[in-house]
Amino acid sequence: MAILRNRSTGAVLAESIAFAVPPLRHVVGLLLGSGYEIAENIWLERCRGVHTLGLRSDVDVVFLDAFGRVLACCPGVPPDCPSVAYSDARATLKLSPGSLARTDVLVGDVLILDEA
C-alpha cells in the first residue's frame, strides 16, 4: 500500500491506495461481485478507461499521463456507468467519492505515491 499525494499542493488524496490486479481480473471481479470495496482507492496502471458496473456507490475517477500529471477529473461517477475513458491516459485512479472536491485536484497537478 502507498499514500497518494498531490505534489502540486501537498494534499493527501488517499491514506492508502491499492494497485489493481491485471485489468481483466479487475473487470471480472467487479462484475461477479467479488471486487473491491468502494472505500478502497485503486491505481490502474496502463489503463485508459473504467466502468462502475457492480459498484454500489459513486467513485471519483482521475486519468494520468506517464508522469503522474492529471489529464482529466471525473468526480461522482455513478454506479453502473458502462464507460468513462480518456484516450491519452497511461493510468487511471478510482477514488472514494468526494476525494477530488476535498483535495482540490486540478488538471495539470502531479500526483505521486509515497510508500507507507
N, C-alpha and C. Protein backbone atom coordinates (compact mmCIF):
# COMPACT_ATOMS: atom_id res chain seq x y z
N MET A 1 0.84 -1.19 0.00
CA MET A 1 0.00 0.00 0.00
C MET A 1 0.88 1.25 0.00
N ALA A 2 0.33 2.32 -0.53
CA ALA A 2 1.06 3.57 -0.60
C ALA A 2 0.09 4.71 -0.30
N ILE A 3 0.66 5.88 -0.04
CA ILE A 3 -0.11 7.10 0.18
C ILE A 3 -0.09 7.88 -1.13
N LEU A 4 -1.25 8.37 -1.55
CA LEU A 4 -1.35 9.16 -2.77
C LEU A 4 -1.38 10.63 -2.41
N ARG A 5 -0.40 11.38 -2.95
CA ARG A 5 -0.28 12.82 -2.67
C ARG A 5 -0.35 13.63 -3.95
N ASN A 6 -0.83 14.86 -3.79
CA ASN A 6 -0.79 15.83 -4.87
C ASN A 6 0.50 16.62 -4.68
N ARG A 7 1.50 16.35 -5.53
CA ARG A 7 2.78 17.05 -5.39
C ARG A 7 2.63 18.55 -5.60
N SER A 8 1.65 18.95 -6.38
CA SER A 8 1.44 20.36 -6.67
C SER A 8 0.96 21.15 -5.45
N THR A 9 0.17 20.50 -4.58
CA THR A 9 -0.40 21.20 -3.43
C THR A 9 0.02 20.62 -2.09
N GLY A 10 0.54 19.40 -2.09
CA GLY A 10 0.90 18.72 -0.85
C GLY A 10 -0.24 17.96 -0.20
N ALA A 11 -1.44 18.07 -0.75
CA ALA A 11 -2.62 17.42 -0.17
C ALA A 11 -2.53 15.91 -0.33
N VAL A 12 -3.04 15.19 0.67
CA VAL A 12 -3.13 13.73 0.61
C VAL A 12 -4.51 13.37 0.06
N LEU A 13 -4.52 12.66 -1.08
CA LEU A 13 -5.78 12.22 -1.67
C LEU A 13 -6.27 10.93 -1.05
N ALA A 14 -5.33 10.06 -0.70
CA ALA A 14 -5.70 8.76 -0.13
C ALA A 14 -4.61 8.30 0.82
N GLU A 15 -5.02 7.89 2.02
CA GLU A 15 -4.08 7.37 3.02
C GLU A 15 -3.53 6.01 2.60
N SER A 16 -4.29 5.29 1.79
CA SER A 16 -3.80 4.03 1.25
C SER A 16 -4.41 3.84 -0.13
N ILE A 17 -3.61 3.36 -1.04
CA ILE A 17 -4.08 3.10 -2.39
C ILE A 17 -3.54 1.75 -2.83
N ALA A 18 -4.40 0.95 -3.41
CA ALA A 18 -4.02 -0.39 -3.86
C ALA A 18 -3.74 -0.36 -5.35
N PHE A 19 -2.84 -1.22 -5.78
CA PHE A 19 -2.59 -1.40 -7.20
C PHE A 19 -3.49 -2.53 -7.67
N ALA A 20 -4.19 -2.30 -8.76
CA ALA A 20 -5.12 -3.31 -9.26
C ALA A 20 -4.38 -4.51 -9.78
N VAL A 21 -5.06 -5.62 -9.67
CA VAL A 21 -4.59 -6.86 -10.27
C VAL A 21 -4.66 -6.68 -11.79
N PRO A 22 -4.19 -7.63 -12.56
CA PRO A 22 -4.28 -7.46 -14.02
C PRO A 22 -5.68 -7.01 -14.44
N PRO A 23 -5.77 -6.10 -15.42
CA PRO A 23 -7.05 -5.47 -15.76
C PRO A 23 -8.21 -6.43 -15.99
N LEU A 24 -8.00 -7.53 -16.68
CA LEU A 24 -9.12 -8.43 -16.94
C LEU A 24 -9.69 -9.00 -15.64
N ARG A 25 -8.81 -9.36 -14.72
CA ARG A 25 -9.27 -9.89 -13.44
C ARG A 25 -10.04 -8.82 -12.65
N HIS A 26 -9.60 -7.58 -12.73
CA HIS A 26 -10.29 -6.47 -12.07
C HIS A 26 -11.71 -6.34 -12.60
N VAL A 27 -11.86 -6.36 -13.91
CA VAL A 27 -13.18 -6.22 -14.54
C VAL A 27 -14.08 -7.38 -14.14
N VAL A 28 -13.59 -8.58 -14.27
CA VAL A 28 -14.39 -9.76 -13.94
C VAL A 28 -14.75 -9.77 -12.47
N GLY A 29 -13.81 -9.40 -11.60
CA GLY A 29 -14.08 -9.38 -10.16
C GLY A 29 -15.22 -8.45 -9.80
N LEU A 30 -15.26 -7.28 -10.40
CA LEU A 30 -16.34 -6.34 -10.11
C LEU A 30 -17.67 -6.87 -10.63
N LEU A 31 -17.66 -7.43 -11.82
CA LEU A 31 -18.91 -7.94 -12.40
C LEU A 31 -19.48 -9.11 -11.61
N LEU A 32 -18.60 -9.90 -11.00
CA LEU A 32 -19.06 -11.05 -10.22
C LEU A 32 -19.34 -10.70 -8.77
N GLY A 33 -19.15 -9.44 -8.41
CA GLY A 33 -19.45 -9.02 -7.06
C GLY A 33 -18.35 -9.34 -6.06
N SER A 34 -17.19 -9.79 -6.53
CA SER A 34 -16.10 -10.10 -5.61
C SER A 34 -14.98 -9.08 -5.76
N GLY A 35 -15.33 -7.91 -6.23
CA GLY A 35 -14.32 -6.89 -6.49
C GLY A 35 -13.97 -6.09 -5.26
N TYR A 36 -13.54 -4.88 -5.49
CA TYR A 36 -13.03 -4.01 -4.45
C TYR A 36 -14.15 -3.33 -3.67
N GLU A 37 -13.88 -3.05 -2.43
CA GLU A 37 -14.80 -2.24 -1.64
C GLU A 37 -14.75 -0.81 -2.17
N ILE A 38 -15.85 -0.10 -2.10
CA ILE A 38 -15.90 1.26 -2.62
C ILE A 38 -14.95 2.19 -1.88
N ALA A 39 -14.69 1.92 -0.61
CA ALA A 39 -13.81 2.80 0.16
C ALA A 39 -12.36 2.62 -0.22
N GLU A 40 -12.06 1.56 -0.95
CA GLU A 40 -10.68 1.31 -1.35
C GLU A 40 -10.35 2.16 -2.56
N ASN A 41 -9.18 2.77 -2.54
CA ASN A 41 -8.69 3.57 -3.64
C ASN A 41 -7.79 2.69 -4.50
N ILE A 42 -7.96 2.77 -5.81
CA ILE A 42 -7.30 1.83 -6.71
C ILE A 42 -6.54 2.58 -7.80
N TRP A 43 -5.28 2.18 -8.02
CA TRP A 43 -4.45 2.69 -9.10
C TRP A 43 -4.42 1.62 -10.18
N LEU A 44 -4.89 1.96 -11.39
CA LEU A 44 -4.90 1.03 -12.51
C LEU A 44 -3.85 1.48 -13.52
N GLU A 45 -2.74 0.79 -13.55
CA GLU A 45 -1.65 1.12 -14.46
C GLU A 45 -2.00 0.64 -15.87
N ARG A 46 -1.52 1.36 -16.89
CA ARG A 46 -1.80 1.02 -18.29
C ARG A 46 -3.30 0.88 -18.54
N CYS A 47 -4.04 1.85 -18.06
CA CYS A 47 -5.50 1.81 -18.14
C CYS A 47 -6.01 3.16 -18.64
N ARG A 48 -6.84 3.13 -19.67
CA ARG A 48 -7.38 4.36 -20.26
C ARG A 48 -8.87 4.56 -19.98
N GLY A 49 -9.49 3.58 -19.36
CA GLY A 49 -10.92 3.70 -19.10
C GLY A 49 -11.37 2.70 -18.07
N VAL A 50 -12.47 3.04 -17.41
CA VAL A 50 -13.02 2.19 -16.37
C VAL A 50 -14.54 2.16 -16.50
N HIS A 51 -15.14 1.26 -15.75
CA HIS A 51 -16.59 1.21 -15.64
C HIS A 51 -16.93 1.16 -14.15
N THR A 52 -18.19 1.37 -13.84
CA THR A 52 -18.62 1.24 -12.45
C THR A 52 -19.72 0.20 -12.32
N LEU A 53 -19.77 -0.73 -13.26
CA LEU A 53 -20.75 -1.80 -13.20
C LEU A 53 -20.52 -2.63 -11.95
N GLY A 54 -21.56 -2.85 -11.20
CA GLY A 54 -21.46 -3.65 -9.99
C GLY A 54 -21.11 -2.87 -8.73
N LEU A 55 -20.75 -1.61 -8.86
CA LEU A 55 -20.47 -0.81 -7.67
C LEU A 55 -21.77 -0.34 -7.04
N ARG A 56 -21.72 -0.01 -5.77
CA ARG A 56 -22.93 0.42 -5.05
C ARG A 56 -22.93 1.91 -4.74
N SER A 57 -21.84 2.58 -5.09
CA SER A 57 -21.72 4.00 -4.75
C SER A 57 -20.92 4.70 -5.84
N ASP A 58 -21.03 6.02 -5.87
CA ASP A 58 -20.23 6.83 -6.79
C ASP A 58 -18.75 6.62 -6.53
N VAL A 59 -17.92 6.93 -7.53
CA VAL A 59 -16.47 6.99 -7.38
C VAL A 59 -15.97 8.23 -8.08
N ASP A 60 -14.83 8.72 -7.63
CA ASP A 60 -14.13 9.78 -8.35
C ASP A 60 -13.09 9.09 -9.22
N VAL A 61 -12.95 9.54 -10.47
CA VAL A 61 -12.00 8.94 -11.40
C VAL A 61 -11.04 10.01 -11.88
N VAL A 62 -9.76 9.66 -11.92
CA VAL A 62 -8.71 10.57 -12.39
C VAL A 62 -7.89 9.84 -13.44
N PHE A 63 -7.63 10.53 -14.55
CA PHE A 63 -6.79 9.99 -15.61
C PHE A 63 -5.44 10.70 -15.57
N LEU A 64 -4.36 9.91 -15.65
CA LEU A 64 -3.00 10.43 -15.53
C LEU A 64 -2.17 10.12 -16.76
N ASP A 65 -1.16 10.98 -17.03
CA ASP A 65 -0.20 10.66 -18.08
C ASP A 65 0.94 9.83 -17.49
N ALA A 66 1.98 9.58 -18.25
CA ALA A 66 3.08 8.72 -17.81
C ALA A 66 3.88 9.33 -16.66
N PHE A 67 3.73 10.62 -16.42
CA PHE A 67 4.48 11.31 -15.36
C PHE A 67 3.63 11.60 -14.12
N GLY A 68 2.40 11.08 -14.10
CA GLY A 68 1.51 11.31 -12.97
C GLY A 68 0.76 12.62 -13.05
N ARG A 69 0.84 13.31 -14.18
CA ARG A 69 0.13 14.57 -14.37
C ARG A 69 -1.34 14.29 -14.65
N VAL A 70 -2.21 15.03 -13.98
CA VAL A 70 -3.66 14.85 -14.15
C VAL A 70 -4.09 15.37 -15.52
N LEU A 71 -4.70 14.48 -16.29
CA LEU A 71 -5.23 14.83 -17.60
C LEU A 71 -6.70 15.20 -17.54
N ALA A 72 -7.44 14.50 -16.69
CA ALA A 72 -8.88 14.75 -16.56
C ALA A 72 -9.36 14.23 -15.22
N CYS A 73 -10.37 14.90 -14.68
CA CYS A 73 -11.00 14.51 -13.41
C CYS A 73 -12.49 14.29 -13.66
N CYS A 74 -13.00 13.21 -13.13
CA CYS A 74 -14.42 12.88 -13.27
C CYS A 74 -14.98 12.59 -11.87
N PRO A 75 -15.41 13.61 -11.17
CA PRO A 75 -15.96 13.38 -9.82
C PRO A 75 -17.35 12.77 -9.88
N GLY A 76 -17.65 11.92 -8.91
CA GLY A 76 -19.00 11.41 -8.75
C GLY A 76 -19.52 10.57 -9.89
N VAL A 77 -18.69 9.70 -10.45
CA VAL A 77 -19.19 8.80 -11.50
C VAL A 77 -20.15 7.81 -10.83
N PRO A 78 -21.39 7.74 -11.32
CA PRO A 78 -22.40 6.92 -10.64
C PRO A 78 -22.21 5.43 -10.87
N PRO A 79 -22.82 4.61 -10.02
CA PRO A 79 -22.79 3.16 -10.23
C PRO A 79 -23.40 2.79 -11.58
N ASP A 80 -22.96 1.66 -12.09
CA ASP A 80 -23.48 1.09 -13.33
C ASP A 80 -23.24 1.94 -14.57
N CYS A 81 -22.22 2.79 -14.53
CA CYS A 81 -21.81 3.54 -15.71
C CYS A 81 -20.95 2.61 -16.57
N PRO A 82 -21.32 2.39 -17.83
CA PRO A 82 -20.61 1.40 -18.64
C PRO A 82 -19.19 1.81 -19.05
N SER A 83 -18.90 3.12 -19.10
CA SER A 83 -17.55 3.51 -19.51
C SER A 83 -17.27 4.97 -19.22
N VAL A 84 -16.09 5.21 -18.67
CA VAL A 84 -15.52 6.54 -18.52
C VAL A 84 -14.08 6.38 -19.00
N ALA A 85 -13.68 7.14 -20.02
CA ALA A 85 -12.36 6.90 -20.61
C ALA A 85 -11.70 8.21 -21.03
N TYR A 86 -10.37 8.12 -21.18
CA TYR A 86 -9.57 9.24 -21.69
C TYR A 86 -8.46 8.61 -22.52
N SER A 87 -8.48 8.86 -23.82
CA SER A 87 -7.63 8.12 -24.75
C SER A 87 -6.13 8.30 -24.52
N ASP A 88 -5.69 9.41 -23.97
CA ASP A 88 -4.26 9.65 -23.76
C ASP A 88 -3.76 9.19 -22.38
N ALA A 89 -4.63 8.66 -21.56
CA ALA A 89 -4.24 8.26 -20.20
C ALA A 89 -3.28 7.08 -20.22
N ARG A 90 -2.36 7.07 -19.26
CA ARG A 90 -1.45 5.95 -19.03
C ARG A 90 -1.80 5.21 -17.75
N ALA A 91 -2.56 5.86 -16.88
CA ALA A 91 -3.02 5.25 -15.63
C ALA A 91 -4.35 5.90 -15.26
N THR A 92 -5.14 5.14 -14.50
CA THR A 92 -6.43 5.65 -14.05
C THR A 92 -6.56 5.37 -12.57
N LEU A 93 -7.10 6.32 -11.84
CA LEU A 93 -7.36 6.15 -10.41
C LEU A 93 -8.85 6.10 -10.18
N LYS A 94 -9.28 5.13 -9.36
CA LYS A 94 -10.65 5.13 -8.83
C LYS A 94 -10.50 5.48 -7.36
N LEU A 95 -11.14 6.58 -6.96
CA LEU A 95 -11.01 7.08 -5.59
C LEU A 95 -12.37 7.13 -4.90
N SER A 96 -12.33 7.11 -3.60
CA SER A 96 -13.55 7.23 -2.81
C SER A 96 -14.29 8.52 -3.19
N PRO A 97 -15.61 8.48 -3.16
CA PRO A 97 -16.38 9.67 -3.54
C PRO A 97 -16.02 10.86 -2.66
N GLY A 98 -15.89 12.01 -3.30
CA GLY A 98 -15.56 13.25 -2.59
C GLY A 98 -14.08 13.52 -2.49
N SER A 99 -13.24 12.59 -2.89
CA SER A 99 -11.78 12.79 -2.79
C SER A 99 -11.31 13.99 -3.60
N LEU A 100 -11.85 14.17 -4.78
CA LEU A 100 -11.40 15.28 -5.63
C LEU A 100 -11.83 16.63 -5.07
N ALA A 101 -13.05 16.74 -4.61
CA ALA A 101 -13.54 18.00 -4.06
C ALA A 101 -12.80 18.36 -2.77
N ARG A 102 -12.55 17.35 -1.94
CA ARG A 102 -11.89 17.57 -0.65
C ARG A 102 -10.46 18.06 -0.81
N THR A 103 -9.79 17.64 -1.89
CA THR A 103 -8.38 17.96 -2.05
C THR A 103 -8.10 18.93 -3.20
N ASP A 104 -9.13 19.43 -3.86
CA ASP A 104 -8.98 20.42 -4.93
C ASP A 104 -8.00 19.99 -6.01
N VAL A 105 -8.14 18.77 -6.52
CA VAL A 105 -7.29 18.29 -7.61
C VAL A 105 -7.71 18.97 -8.90
N LEU A 106 -6.72 19.47 -9.65
CA LEU A 106 -6.98 20.15 -10.91
C LEU A 106 -6.20 19.51 -12.04
N VAL A 107 -6.68 19.66 -13.25
CA VAL A 107 -5.93 19.21 -14.42
C VAL A 107 -4.58 19.91 -14.41
N GLY A 108 -3.52 19.15 -14.62
CA GLY A 108 -2.17 19.69 -14.59
C GLY A 108 -1.42 19.39 -13.30
N ASP A 109 -2.15 19.10 -12.21
CA ASP A 109 -1.48 18.71 -10.97
C ASP A 109 -0.73 17.40 -11.18
N VAL A 110 0.31 17.18 -10.38
CA VAL A 110 1.07 15.94 -10.47
C VAL A 110 0.81 15.14 -9.19
N LEU A 111 0.38 13.89 -9.37
CA LEU A 111 0.11 13.00 -8.24
C LEU A 111 1.25 12.02 -8.09
N ILE A 112 1.65 11.78 -6.84
CA ILE A 112 2.76 10.88 -6.58
C ILE A 112 2.38 9.88 -5.50
N LEU A 113 3.07 8.75 -5.50
CA LEU A 113 2.86 7.72 -4.49
C LEU A 113 4.04 7.73 -3.52
N ASP A 114 3.73 7.76 -2.24
CA ASP A 114 4.73 7.63 -1.19
C ASP A 114 4.50 6.29 -0.52
N GLU A 115 5.55 5.50 -0.38
CA GLU A 115 5.42 4.22 0.30
C GLU A 115 5.00 4.43 1.73
N ALA A 116 4.02 3.64 2.18
CA ALA A 116 3.51 3.77 3.55
C ALA A 116 4.46 3.11 4.53
